[in-house]
Amino acid sequence: MSGGLYRLEKPGLPQRAAIIGAGTMGLGVAECFALAGLEVVIVDETPGASQQALGRLNQRVRGHVEAGLLPEAAIAAAHRVRAAEDIKSAVASSDLVFEAAPERIEIKRDVLAACDAHAPAAAIIATNTSSLPIDDLAAFVERKGRFLGMHFFNPPEWTPAVEVIPSVQTDPEIVARAREFLLAIGKKPATVASGPGFVANRIQFALFREALACVEDGLATPQEVDAVVRSSFGFRLPFYGPFQIADMAGLDVYASIMDVLSEGLGADWEAPESLRDIVAEGRLGTKALAGFYEYSEDERAALLIERDRRYAALSRLLDGFPQ
């Protein structure tokens, strides 16, 4: 969170945001926007529900302040958030309309159509859907060039990632502006294409599916699976993604492991042709100075010592937290 400096640092980006839907995600995003210095208005199903949401937001921020997670000034920022009577009045003067309605297409259809009908012509209209195809949702708005997905993750106040998902008709300038806005409020946007689960949920639920299978197969209890994930590859993930982790391990090693997995678990575990091809080219990862990434000798040395420094620091930090 940028502590209110956003408006001074980034002129020309959205300054007034309307949050449509005041559930967990909507309130979390409202907190992000308010602490970044935007004028924020929220609206829920009824005027009464919108007013109740304001109370929950203020209570939420006060709890963060009392826990030492936010400065005292955050309370005043939250108190500046307003509740609207309806969607029309909420979006009437907004630069950014953020739809966070329940994940049901018939609800989003009505909400997005209303946002599109009443928002200023220059407003960006974003949906926080975590799974619905963006092209399908784009059918509900007339200004398709200004519509895109902006997928925050729970809890949105603290989780850095935001998936930016354009439809086939989204104006590239709007995508660029959305990314710049998100960077300005302290987030880490990644532009991804619309597909089932986008990127994060596709990977996250693949992990959950296999974790559940390990329990069902009698390999471990849920608690033991969590312990393994937390202290093995999960330990690395705050710093590196799966491709760079694979590069550091060795892509030939990965291919060999997948051969063993496919023998025991079936053809779904066979190493993909794309992995076999890259190994056949001699791109084995950091040890060959090329894998999914390319490295000079100096870059490889710096990467590996920085990896060790980060892992050692995280290990020391985790010593102070109960597992």
C-alpha atoms as a PDB file:
ATOM      1  CA  MET A   1       0.000   0.000   0.000  1.00  0.00           C
ATOM      2  CA  SER A   2       1.373   3.357  -0.980  1.00  0.00           C
ATOM      3  CA  GLY A   3       0.404   5.385   2.069  1.00  0.00           C
ATOM      4  CA  GLY A   4      -1.612   7.923   0.101  1.00  0.00           C
ATOM      5  CA  LEU A   5       1.227   8.999  -2.224  1.00  0.00           C
ATOM      6  CA  TYR A   6      -0.296   7.448  -5.306  1.00  0.00           C
ATOM      7  CA  ARG A   7      -2.332  10.505  -6.301  1.00  0.00           C
ATOM      8  CA  LEU A   8       0.736  12.726  -6.247  1.00  0.00           C
ATOM      9  CA  GLU A   9       2.999  10.281  -8.048  1.00  0.00           C
ATOM     10  CA  LYS A  10       0.743   9.065 -10.849  1.00  0.00           C
ATOM     11  CA  PRO A  11      -1.406  11.807 -12.378  1.00  0.00           C
ATOM     12  CA  GLY A  12      -3.630  10.707 -15.236  1.00  0.00           C
ATOM     13  CA  LEU A  13      -4.515   7.331 -13.712  1.00  0.00           C
ATOM     14  CA  PRO A  14      -7.818   6.536 -11.943  1.00  0.00           C
ATOM     15  CA  GLN A  15      -8.483   8.722  -8.925  1.00  0.00           C
ATOM     16  CA  ARG A  16     -12.087   7.747  -8.140  1.00  0.00           C
ATOM     17  CA  ALA A  17     -13.115   4.110  -7.804  1.00  0.00           C
ATOM     18  CA  ALA A  18     -16.482   2.441  -7.370  1.00  0.00           C
ATOM     19  CA  ILE A  19     -16.516  -1.019  -5.779  1.00  0.00           C
ATOM     20  CA  ILE A  20     -19.588  -3.031  -6.745  1.00  0.00           C
ATOM     21  CA  GLY A  21     -20.057  -5.793  -4.193  1.00  0.00           C
ATOM     22  CA  ALA A  22     -18.985  -5.505  -0.558  1.00  0.00           C
ATOM     23  CA  GLY A  23     -18.030  -9.060   0.334  1.00  0.00           C
ATOM     24  CA  THR A  24     -14.589 -10.208   1.424  1.00  0.00           C
ATOM     25  CA  MET A  25     -12.876  -9.282  -1.834  1.00  0.00           C
ATOM     26  CA  GLY A  26     -14.763  -6.049  -2.408  1.00  0.00           C
ATOM     27  CA  LEU A  27     -13.947  -4.716   1.059  1.00  0.00           C
ATOM     28  CA  GLY A  28     -10.312  -5.778   0.789  1.00  0.00           C
ATOM     29  CA  VAL A  29      -9.919  -3.997  -2.538  1.00  0.00           C
ATOM     30  CA  ALA A  30     -11.720  -0.947  -1.119  1.00  0.00           C
ATOM     31  CA  GLU A  31      -9.117  -0.881   1.660  1.00  0.00           C
ATOM     32  CA  CYS A  32      -6.271  -1.106  -0.887  1.00  0.00           C
ATOM     33  CA  PHE A  33      -7.689   1.724  -2.963  1.00  0.00           C
ATOM     34  CA  ALA A  34      -8.517   3.972   0.001  1.00  0.00           C
ATOM     35  CA  LEU A  35      -5.054   3.636   1.536  1.00  0.00           C
ATOM     36  CA  ALA A  36      -3.528   4.406  -1.855  1.00  0.00           C
ATOM     37  CA  GLY A  37      -5.314   7.749  -1.795  1.00  0.00           C
ATOM     38  CA  LEU A  38      -8.234   7.143  -4.159  1.00  0.00           C
ATOM     39  CA  GLU A  39     -11.741   8.407  -3.549  1.00  0.00           C
ATOM     40  CA  VAL A  40     -13.709   5.204  -3.008  1.00  0.00           C
ATOM     41  CA  VAL A  41     -17.422   4.485  -2.997  1.00  0.00           C
ATOM     42  CA  ILE A  42     -18.898   1.057  -2.336  1.00  0.00           C
ATOM     43  CA  VAL A  43     -22.306  -0.347  -3.103  1.00  0.00           C
ATOM     44  CA  ASP A  44     -23.910  -3.657  -2.199  1.00  0.00           C
ATOM     45  CA  GLU A  45     -27.320  -5.216  -2.853  1.00  0.00           C
ATOM     46  CA  THR A  46     -29.278  -2.637  -0.828  1.00  0.00           C
ATOM     47  CA  PRO A  47     -28.524   0.781   0.696  1.00  0.00           C
ATOM     48  CA  GLY A  48     -28.681  -0.835   4.124  1.00  0.00           C
ATOM     49  CA  ALA A  49     -26.180  -3.492   3.139  1.00  0.00           C
ATOM     50  CA  SER A  50     -23.864  -0.818   1.743  1.00  0.00           C
ATOM     51  CA  GLN A  51     -23.916   1.097   5.033  1.00  0.00           C
ATOM     52  CA  GLN A  52     -23.258  -2.090   6.989  1.00  0.00           C
ATOM     53  CA  ALA A  53     -20.307  -2.773   4.684  1.00  0.00           C
ATOM     54  CA  LEU A  54     -18.813   0.600   5.632  1.00  0.00           C
ATOM     55  CA  GLY A  55     -18.931  -0.447   9.268  1.00  0.00           C
ATOM     56  CA  ARG A  56     -17.199  -3.744   8.480  1.00  0.00           C
ATOM     57  CA  LEU A  57     -14.529  -1.911   6.483  1.00  0.00           C
ATOM     58  CA  ASN A  58     -13.772   0.510   9.297  1.00  0.00           C
ATOM     59  CA  GLN A  59     -13.650  -2.349  11.802  1.00  0.00           C
ATOM     60  CA  ARG A  60     -11.331  -4.300   9.495  1.00  0.00           C
ATOM     61  CA  VAL A  61      -8.903  -1.394   9.112  1.00  0.00           C
ATOM     62  CA  ARG A  62      -8.958  -0.626  12.824  1.00  0.00           C
ATOM     63  CA  GLY A  63      -8.049  -4.255  13.496  1.00  0.00           C
ATOM     64  CA  HIS A  64      -5.094  -3.968  11.125  1.00  0.00           C
ATOM     65  CA  VAL A  65      -3.946  -0.803  12.883  1.00  0.00           C
ATOM     66  CA  GLU A  66      -4.272  -2.383  16.324  1.00  0.00           C
ATOM     67  CA  ALA A  67      -2.255  -5.386  15.105  1.00  0.00           C
ATOM     68  CA  GLY A  68       0.530  -3.045  13.988  1.00  0.00           C
ATOM     69  CA  LEU A  69       0.017  -3.842  10.296  1.00  0.00           C
ATOM     70  CA  LEU A  70      -1.019  -0.334   9.262  1.00  0.00           C
ATOM     71  CA  PRO A  71      -0.288   3.173  10.546  1.00  0.00           C
ATOM     72  CA  GLU A  72      -2.881   5.124  12.518  1.00  0.00           C
ATOM     73  CA  ALA A  73      -3.581   7.280   9.443  1.00  0.00           C
ATOM     74  CA  ALA A  74      -5.230   4.270   7.787  1.00  0.00           C
ATOM     75  CA  ILE A  75      -8.279   4.732  10.022  1.00  0.00           C
ATOM     76  CA  ALA A  76      -8.917   8.203   8.596  1.00  0.00           C
ATOM     77  CA  ALA A  77      -8.453   6.897   5.053  1.00  0.00           C
ATOM     78  CA  ALA A  78     -11.059   4.195   5.626  1.00  0.00           C
ATOM     79  CA  HIS A  79     -13.499   6.726   7.061  1.00  0.00           C
ATOM     80  CA  ARG A  80     -13.345   8.649   3.769  1.00  0.00           C
ATOM     81  CA  VAL A  81     -14.879   5.694   1.881  1.00  0.00           C
ATOM     82  CA  ARG A  82     -18.529   6.374   1.088  1.00  0.00           C
ATOM     83  CA  ALA A  83     -21.548   4.116   0.537  1.00  0.00           C
ATOM     84  CA  ALA A  84     -23.833   4.654  -2.463  1.00  0.00           C
ATOM     85  CA  GLU A  85     -27.566   4.086  -2.755  1.00  0.00           C
ATOM     86  CA  ASP A  86     -27.301   2.104  -5.993  1.00  0.00           C
ATOM     87  CA  ILE A  87     -24.972   1.230  -8.868  1.00  0.00           C
ATOM     88  CA  LYS A  88     -26.015   4.272 -10.897  1.00  0.00           C
ATOM     89  CA  SER A  89     -24.964   6.763  -8.225  1.00  0.00           C
ATOM     90  CA  ALA A  90     -21.855   4.729  -7.301  1.00  0.00           C
ATOM     91  CA  VAL A  91     -20.337   4.743 -10.785  1.00  0.00           C
ATOM     92  CA  ALA A  92     -21.558   8.139 -11.992  1.00  0.00           C
ATOM     93  CA  SER A  93     -18.228   9.936 -11.487  1.00  0.00           C
ATOM     94  CA  SER A  94     -15.816   6.999 -11.285  1.00  0.00           C
ATOM     95  CA  ASP A  95     -12.609   6.573 -13.270  1.00  0.00           C
ATOM     96  CA  LEU A  96     -12.449   2.895 -12.333  1.00  0.00           C
ATOM     97  CA  VAL A  97     -15.426   0.598 -11.778  1.00  0.00           C
ATOM     98  CA  PHE A  98     -14.445  -2.598  -9.972  1.00  0.00           C
ATOM     99  CA  GLU A  99     -17.091  -5.333 -10.066  1.00  0.00           C
ATOM    100  CA  ALA A 100     -16.768  -7.824  -7.187  1.00  0.00           C
ATOM    101  CA  ALA A 101     -20.229  -9.405  -7.311  1.00  0.00           C
ATOM    102  CA  PRO A 102     -20.746 -13.117  -6.495  1.00  0.00           C
ATOM    103  CA  GLU A 103     -19.220 -15.578  -8.976  1.00  0.00           C
ATOM    104  CA  ARG A 104     -22.474 -16.291 -10.819  1.00  0.00           C
ATOM    105  CA  ILE A 105     -22.721 -15.225 -14.429  1.00  0.00           C
ATOM    106  CA  GLU A 106     -26.362 -14.135 -14.217  1.00  0.00           C
ATOM    107  CA  ILE A 107     -25.501 -11.746 -11.362  1.00  0.00           C
ATOM    108  CA  LYS A 108     -22.441 -10.384 -13.115  1.00  0.00           C
ATOM    109  CA  ARG A 109     -24.459  -9.921 -16.313  1.00  0.00           C
ATOM    110  CA  ASP A 110     -26.880  -7.540 -14.619  1.00  0.00           C
ATOM    111  CA  VAL A 111     -24.211  -5.738 -12.588  1.00  0.00           C
ATOM    112  CA  LEU A 112     -21.854  -5.202 -15.528  1.00  0.00           C
ATOM    113  CA  ALA A 113     -24.662  -4.005 -17.782  1.00  0.00           C
ATOM    114  CA  ALA A 114     -25.663  -1.435 -15.153  1.00  0.00           C
ATOM    115  CA  CYS A 115     -22.059  -0.304 -14.671  1.00  0.00           C
ATOM    116  CA  ASP A 116     -21.598   0.080 -18.407  1.00  0.00           C
ATOM    117  CA  ALA A 117     -24.826   2.051 -18.766  1.00  0.00           C
ATOM    118  CA  HIS A 118     -24.078   4.605 -16.042  1.00  0.00           C
ATOM    119  CA  ALA A 119     -20.283   4.978 -15.772  1.00  0.00           C
ATOM    120  CA  PRO A 120     -18.512   7.871 -17.530  1.00  0.00           C
ATOM    121  CA  ALA A 121     -17.427   7.091 -21.078  1.00  0.00           C
ATOM    122  CA  ALA A 122     -13.737   7.198 -20.096  1.00  0.00           C
ATOM    123  CA  ALA A 123     -14.042   4.848 -17.112  1.00  0.00           C
ATOM    124  CA  ILE A 124     -12.267   1.512 -16.974  1.00  0.00           C
ATOM    125  CA  ILE A 125     -14.637  -1.319 -16.078  1.00  0.00           C
ATOM    126  CA  ALA A 126     -12.950  -4.280 -14.384  1.00  0.00           C
ATOM    127  CA  THR A 127     -14.289  -7.591 -13.131  1.00  0.00           C
ATOM    128  CA  ASN A 128     -12.722  -9.506 -10.266  1.00  0.00           C
ATOM    129  CA  THR A 129     -13.875 -12.884 -11.562  1.00  0.00           C
ATOM    130  CA  SER A 130     -11.597 -15.753 -10.575  1.00  0.00           C
ATOM    131  CA  SER A 131     -12.856 -18.234 -13.162  1.00  0.00           C
ATOM    132  CA  LEU A 132     -15.487 -16.936 -15.601  1.00  0.00           C
ATOM    133  CA  PRO A 133     -14.235 -16.358 -19.178  1.00  0.00           C
ATOM    134  CA  ILE A 134     -13.553 -12.671 -19.793  1.00  0.00           C
ATOM    135  CA  ASP A 135     -14.853 -12.844 -23.369  1.00  0.00           C
ATOM    136  CA  ASP A 136     -18.182 -14.164 -22.049  1.00  0.00           C
ATOM    137  CA  LEU A 137     -18.428 -11.317 -19.535  1.00  0.00           C
ATOM    138  CA  ALA A 138     -17.450  -8.761 -22.179  1.00  0.00           C
ATOM    139  CA  ALA A 139     -20.696  -9.593 -23.956  1.00  0.00           C
ATOM    140  CA  PHE A 140     -22.552  -7.758 -21.180  1.00  0.00           C
ATOM    141  CA  VAL A 141     -20.920  -4.360 -21.825  1.00  0.00           C
ATOM    142  CA  GLU A 142     -21.095  -2.083 -24.836  1.00  0.00           C
ATOM    143  CA  ARG A 143     -17.681  -0.455 -24.332  1.00  0.00           C
ATOM    144  CA  LYS A 144     -15.730  -3.667 -24.737  1.00  0.00           C
ATOM    145  CA  GLY A 145     -12.457  -1.856 -25.361  1.00  0.00           C
ATOM    146  CA  ARG A 146     -12.501  -0.482 -21.791  1.00  0.00           C
ATOM    147  CA  PHE A 147     -13.405  -3.786 -20.107  1.00  0.00           C
ATOM    148  CA  LEU A 148     -10.992  -6.341 -18.649  1.00  0.00           C
ATOM    149  CA  GLY A 149     -10.440  -8.729 -15.783  1.00  0.00           C
ATOM    150  CA  MET A 150      -8.548  -7.530 -12.710  1.00  0.00           C
ATOM    151  CA  HIS A 151      -8.243 -10.608 -10.508  1.00  0.00           C
ATOM    152  CA  PHE A 152      -7.088  -9.876  -6.953  1.00  0.00           C
ATOM    153  CA  PHE A 153      -6.309 -12.664  -4.479  1.00  0.00           C
ATOM    154  CA  ASN A 154      -7.490 -13.128  -0.913  1.00  0.00           C
ATOM    155  CA  PRO A 155      -6.583 -11.303   1.259  1.00  0.00           C
ATOM    156  CA  PRO A 156      -6.326  -8.495  -1.311  1.00  0.00           C
ATOM    157  CA  GLU A 157      -4.831  -6.020   1.158  1.00  0.00           C
ATOM    158  CA  TRP A 158      -1.630  -8.064   1.420  1.00  0.00           C
ATOM    159  CA  THR A 159      -1.388 -10.439  -1.546  1.00  0.00           C
ATOM    160  CA  PRO A 160       0.732  -8.699  -4.204  1.00  0.00           C
ATOM    161  CA  ALA A 161      -0.427 -10.484  -7.365  1.00  0.00           C
ATOM    162  CA  VAL A 162      -3.209  -9.242  -9.633  1.00  0.00           C
ATOM    163  CA  GLU A 163      -3.982 -11.069 -12.869  1.00  0.00           C
ATOM    164  CA  VAL A 164      -4.854  -8.582 -15.626  1.00  0.00           C
ATOM    165  CA  ILE A 165      -7.007 -10.424 -18.177  1.00  0.00           C
ATOM    166  CA  PRO A 166      -7.993  -8.640 -21.402  1.00  0.00           C
ATOM    167  CA  SER A 167     -10.750  -9.881 -23.658  1.00  0.00           C
ATOM    168  CA  VAL A 168     -10.075 -10.143 -27.373  1.00  0.00           C
ATOM    169  CA  GLN A 169     -11.627  -6.670 -27.708  1.00  0.00           C
ATOM    170  CA  THR A 170      -9.867  -4.872 -24.844  1.00  0.00           C
ATOM    171  CA  ASP A 171      -7.891  -1.833 -25.985  1.00  0.00           C
ATOM    172  CA  PRO A 172      -4.156  -2.463 -25.344  1.00  0.00           C
ATOM    173  CA  GLU A 173      -3.897   1.077 -23.951  1.00  0.00           C
ATOM    174  CA  ILE A 174      -6.432   0.150 -21.264  1.00  0.00           C
ATOM    175  CA  VAL A 175      -4.391  -2.925 -20.371  1.00  0.00           C
ATOM    176  CA  ALA A 176      -1.274  -0.769 -20.049  1.00  0.00           C
ATOM    177  CA  ARG A 177      -3.121   1.798 -17.949  1.00  0.00           C
ATOM    178  CA  ALA A 178      -4.528  -0.891 -15.654  1.00  0.00           C
ATOM    179  CA  ARG A 179      -1.054  -2.329 -15.129  1.00  0.00           C
ATOM    180  CA  GLU A 180       0.413   1.110 -14.396  1.00  0.00           C
ATOM    181  CA  PHE A 181      -2.368   1.805 -11.912  1.00  0.00           C
ATOM    182  CA  LEU A 182      -1.794  -1.493 -10.104  1.00  0.00           C
ATOM    183  CA  LEU A 183       1.947  -0.876  -9.905  1.00  0.00           C
ATOM    184  CA  ALA A 184       1.236   2.580  -8.502  1.00  0.00           C
ATOM    185  CA  ILE A 185      -0.783   1.143  -5.607  1.00  0.00           C
ATOM    186  CA  GLY A 186       1.906  -1.419  -4.793  1.00  0.00           C
ATOM    187  CA  LYS A 187       0.617  -4.517  -6.598  1.00  0.00           C
ATOM    188  CA  LYS A 188       2.430  -6.900  -8.966  1.00  0.00           C
ATOM    189  CA  PRO A 189       0.291  -7.250 -12.101  1.00  0.00           C
ATOM    190  CA  ALA A 190       0.732 -10.032 -14.637  1.00  0.00           C
ATOM    191  CA  THR A 191      -1.115  -9.975 -17.957  1.00  0.00           C
ATOM    192  CA  VAL A 192      -2.590 -13.399 -18.729  1.00  0.00           C
ATOM    193  CA  ALA A 193      -5.002 -14.739 -21.323  1.00  0.00           C
ATOM    194  CA  SER A 194      -8.541 -15.818 -20.516  1.00  0.00           C
ATOM    195  CA  GLY A 195      -8.737 -19.569 -19.911  1.00  0.00           C
ATOM    196  CA  PRO A 196     -10.258 -21.856 -17.244  1.00  0.00           C
ATOM    197  CA  GLY A 197      -8.909 -20.636 -13.906  1.00  0.00           C
ATOM    198  CA  PHE A 198      -6.535 -18.234 -15.710  1.00  0.00           C
ATOM    199  CA  VAL A 199      -3.004 -18.993 -14.399  1.00  0.00           C
ATOM    200  CA  ALA A 200      -2.974 -18.838 -10.600  1.00  0.00           C
ATOM    201  CA  ASN A 201      -6.074 -20.925  -9.944  1.00  0.00           C
ATOM    202  CA  ARG A 202      -5.166 -23.472 -12.598  1.00  0.00           C
ATOM    203  CA  ILE A 203      -1.860 -24.109 -10.835  1.00  0.00           C
ATOM    204  CA  GLN A 204      -3.253 -23.736  -7.313  1.00  0.00           C
ATOM    205  CA  PHE A 205      -6.026 -26.261  -7.885  1.00  0.00           C
ATOM    206  CA  ALA A 206      -3.686 -28.696  -9.615  1.00  0.00           C
ATOM    207  CA  LEU A 207      -1.673 -28.615  -6.372  1.00  0.00           C
ATOM    208  CA  PHE A 208      -4.793 -29.104  -4.259  1.00  0.00           C
ATOM    209  CA  ARG A 209      -6.006 -31.975  -6.458  1.00  0.00           C
ATOM    210  CA  GLU A 210      -2.727 -33.850  -6.021  1.00  0.00           C
ATOM    211  CA  ALA A 211      -2.514 -33.033  -2.304  1.00  0.00           C
ATOM    212  CA  LEU A 212      -5.953 -34.563  -1.859  1.00  0.00           C
ATOM    213  CA  ALA A 213      -4.936 -37.581  -3.950  1.00  0.00           C
ATOM    214  CA  CYS A 214      -1.898 -38.137  -1.685  1.00  0.00           C
ATOM    215  CA  VAL A 215      -4.225 -38.285   1.328  1.00  0.00           C
ATOM    216  CA  GLU A 216      -6.743 -40.530  -0.448  1.00  0.00           C
ATOM    217  CA  ASP A 217      -3.904 -42.879  -1.504  1.00  0.00           C
ATOM    218  CA  GLY A 218      -2.804 -43.208   2.111  1.00  0.00           C
ATOM    219  CA  LEU A 219       0.570 -41.524   1.636  1.00  0.00           C
ATOM    220  CA  ALA A 220       0.108 -38.961   4.397  1.00  0.00           C
ATOM    221  CA  THR A 221      -2.422 -37.093   6.514  1.00  0.00           C
ATOM    222  CA  PRO A 222      -3.552 -33.578   5.517  1.00  0.00           C
ATOM    223  CA  GLN A 223      -1.322 -32.206   8.272  1.00  0.00           C
ATOM    224  CA  GLU A 224       1.709 -34.105   6.983  1.00  0.00           C
ATOM    225  CA  VAL A 225       1.053 -33.029   3.393  1.00  0.00           C
ATOM    226  CA  ASP A 226       0.889 -29.408   4.530  1.00  0.00           C
ATOM    227  CA  ALA A 227       4.171 -29.828   6.410  1.00  0.00           C
ATOM    228  CA  VAL A 228       5.910 -31.302   3.356  1.00  0.00           C
ATOM    229  CA  VAL A 229       4.660 -28.585   0.982  1.00  0.00           C
ATOM    230  CA  ARG A 230       5.409 -25.740   3.390  1.00  0.00           C
ATOM    231  CA  SER A 231       8.988 -26.805   4.007  1.00  0.00           C
ATOM    232  CA  SER A 232      10.004 -28.082   0.541  1.00  0.00           C
ATOM    233  CA  PHE A 233       8.990 -26.495  -2.759  1.00  0.00           C
ATOM    234  CA  GLY A 234       6.591 -24.121  -0.980  1.00  0.00           C
ATOM    235  CA  PHE A 235       9.643 -22.769   0.860  1.00  0.00           C
ATOM    236  CA  ARG A 236      11.127 -21.707  -2.495  1.00  0.00           C
ATOM    237  CA  LEU A 237       8.047 -20.185  -4.084  1.00  0.00           C
ATOM    238  CA  PRO A 238       8.149 -16.747  -2.386  1.00  0.00           C
ATOM    239  CA  PHE A 239      11.299 -16.063  -4.427  1.00  0.00           C
ATOM    240  CA  TYR A 240      11.162 -18.096  -7.636  1.00  0.00           C
ATOM    241  CA  GLY A 241       8.510 -19.456  -9.965  1.00  0.00           C
ATOM    242  CA  PRO A 242       8.305 -23.056 -11.188  1.00  0.00           C
ATOM    243  CA  PHE A 243      10.362 -22.483 -14.345  1.00  0.00           C
ATOM    244  CA  GLN A 244      13.351 -20.920 -12.617  1.00  0.00           C
ATOM    245  CA  ILE A 245      13.196 -23.494  -9.815  1.00  0.00           C
ATOM    246  CA  ALA A 246      13.313 -26.199 -12.506  1.00  0.00           C
ATOM    247  CA  ASP A 247      16.282 -24.494 -14.171  1.00  0.00           C
ATOM    248  CA  MET A 248      18.202 -24.549 -10.898  1.00  0.00           C
ATOM    249  CA  ALA A 249      17.353 -28.218 -10.283  1.00  0.00           C
ATOM    250  CA  GLY A 250      18.186 -29.360 -13.826  1.00  0.00           C
ATOM    251  CA  LEU A 251      15.674 -29.978 -16.584  1.00  0.00           C
ATOM    252  CA  ASP A 252      17.156 -33.377 -17.361  1.00  0.00           C
ATOM    253  CA  VAL A 253      16.532 -34.299 -13.723  1.00  0.00           C
ATOM    254  CA  TYR A 254      12.929 -33.123 -14.048  1.00  0.00           C
ATOM    255  CA  ALA A 255      12.433 -35.235 -17.187  1.00  0.00           C
ATOM    256  CA  SER A 256      13.826 -38.314 -15.424  1.00  0.00           C
ATOM    257  CA  ILE A 257      11.601 -37.796 -12.386  1.00  0.00           C
ATOM    258  CA  MET A 258       8.560 -37.463 -14.645  1.00  0.00           C
ATOM    259  CA  ASP A 259       9.496 -40.788 -16.276  1.00  0.00           C
ATOM    260  CA  VAL A 260       9.340 -42.441 -12.849  1.00  0.00           C
ATOM    261  CA  LEU A 261       6.056 -40.728 -12.034  1.00  0.00           C
ATOM    262  CA  SER A 262       4.493 -41.808 -15.325  1.00  0.00           C
ATOM    263  CA  GLU A 263       5.497 -45.424 -14.698  1.00  0.00           C
ATOM    264  CA  GLY A 264       3.814 -45.373 -11.303  1.00  0.00           C
ATOM    265  CA  LEU A 265       0.913 -42.990 -11.812  1.00  0.00           C
ATOM    266  CA  GLY A 266       0.038 -43.192 -15.506  1.00  0.00           C
ATOM    267  CA  ALA A 267       0.429 -41.395 -18.796  1.00  0.00           C
ATOM    268  CA  ASP A 268      -0.821 -38.058 -17.465  1.00  0.00           C
ATOM    269  CA  TRP A 269       2.555 -37.722 -15.735  1.00  0.00           C
ATOM    270  CA  GLU A 270       4.698 -38.199 -18.833  1.00  0.00           C
ATOM    271  CA  ALA A 271       7.178 -35.418 -19.489  1.00  0.00           C
ATOM    272  CA  PRO A 272       5.680 -33.059 -22.095  1.00  0.00           C
ATOM    273  CA  GLU A 273       7.318 -32.931 -25.498  1.00  0.00           C
ATOM    274  CA  SER A 274       8.240 -29.295 -24.873  1.00  0.00           C
ATOM    275  CA  LEU A 275      10.372 -30.390 -21.905  1.00  0.00           C
ATOM    276  CA  ARG A 276      11.977 -33.291 -23.820  1.00  0.00           C
ATOM    277  CA  ASP A 277      12.775 -30.945 -26.711  1.00  0.00           C
ATOM    278  CA  ILE A 278      14.511 -28.390 -24.525  1.00  0.00           C
ATOM    279  CA  VAL A 279      16.550 -31.137 -22.836  1.00  0.00           C
ATOM    280  CA  ALA A 280      17.494 -32.610 -26.227  1.00  0.00           C
ATOM    281  CA  GLU A 281      18.825 -29.175 -27.216  1.00  0.00           C
ATOM    282  CA  GLY A 282      21.166 -29.278 -24.235  1.00  0.00           C
ATOM    283  CA  ARG A 283      19.299 -26.529 -22.400  1.00  0.00           C
ATOM    284  CA  LEU A 284      19.464 -28.240 -19.027  1.00  0.00           C
ATOM    285  CA  GLY A 285      19.092 -25.174 -16.818  1.00  0.00           C
ATOM    286  CA  THR A 286      21.607 -23.118 -14.879  1.00  0.00           C
ATOM    287  CA  LYS A 287      24.307 -25.804 -15.143  1.00  0.00           C
ATOM    288  CA  ALA A 288      24.216 -25.401 -18.945  1.00  0.00           C
ATOM    289  CA  LEU A 289      23.708 -21.606 -18.800  1.00  0.00           C
ATOM    290  CA  ALA A 290      20.367 -22.068 -20.581  1.00  0.00           C
ATOM    291  CA  GLY A 291      17.026 -23.649 -19.824  1.00  0.00           C
ATOM    292  CA  PHE A 292      13.739 -21.811 -19.711  1.00  0.00           C
ATOM    293  CA  TYR A 293      15.934 -18.789 -18.931  1.00  0.00           C
ATOM    294  CA  GLU A 294      19.373 -17.899 -20.276  1.00  0.00           C
ATOM    295  CA  TYR A 295      22.342 -17.072 -18.047  1.00  0.00           C
ATOM    296  CA  SER A 296      25.864 -15.796 -18.324  1.00  0.00           C
ATOM    297  CA  GLU A 297      28.491 -17.291 -16.019  1.00  0.00           C
ATOM    298  CA  ASP A 298      28.261 -14.239 -13.777  1.00  0.00           C
ATOM    299  CA  GLU A 299      24.443 -14.301 -13.768  1.00  0.00           C
ATOM    300  CA  ARG A 300      24.404 -17.974 -12.792  1.00  0.00           C
ATOM    301  CA  ALA A 301      26.838 -17.408  -9.937  1.00  0.00           C
ATOM    302  CA  ALA A 302      24.883 -14.388  -8.702  1.00  0.00           C
ATOM    303  CA  LEU A 303      21.562 -16.244  -8.937  1.00  0.00           C
ATOM    304  CA  LEU A 304      22.750 -19.234  -6.927  1.00  0.00           C
ATOM    305  CA  ILE A 305      24.376 -17.233  -4.128  1.00  0.00           C
ATOM    306  CA  GLU A 306      21.321 -14.946  -3.971  1.00  0.00           C
ATOM    307  CA  ARG A 307      19.102 -18.035  -3.798  1.00  0.00           C
ATOM    308  CA  ASP A 308      21.098 -19.350  -0.852  1.00  0.00           C
ATOM    309  CA  ARG A 309      21.011 -15.950   0.870  1.00  0.00           C
ATOM    310  CA  ARG A 310      17.225 -15.738   0.510  1.00  0.00           C
ATOM    311  CA  TYR A 311      16.604 -19.281   1.668  1.00  0.00           C
ATOM    312  CA  ALA A 312      18.832 -18.830   4.704  1.00  0.00           C
ATOM    313  CA  ALA A 313      17.027 -15.592   5.635  1.00  0.00           C
ATOM    314  CA  LEU A 314      13.619 -17.203   5.251  1.00  0.00           C
ATOM    315  CA  SER A 315      14.689 -20.193   7.330  1.00  0.00           C
ATOM    316  CA  ARG A 316      15.767 -17.868  10.149  1.00  0.00           C
ATOM    317  CA  LEU A 317      12.516 -15.915   9.905  1.00  0.00           C
ATOM    318  CA  LEU A 318      10.379 -19.063  10.026  1.00  0.00           C
ATOM    319  CA  ASP A 319      12.153 -20.207  13.188  1.00  0.00           C
ATOM    320  CA  GLY A 320      10.157 -17.545  15.005  1.00  0.00           C
ATOM    321  CA  PHE A 321       6.759 -18.717  13.759  1.00  0.00           C
ATOM    322  CA  PRO A 322       4.801 -21.753  14.969  1.00  0.00           C
ATOM    323  CA  GLN A 323       4.292 -24.417  12.299  1.00  0.00           C
END
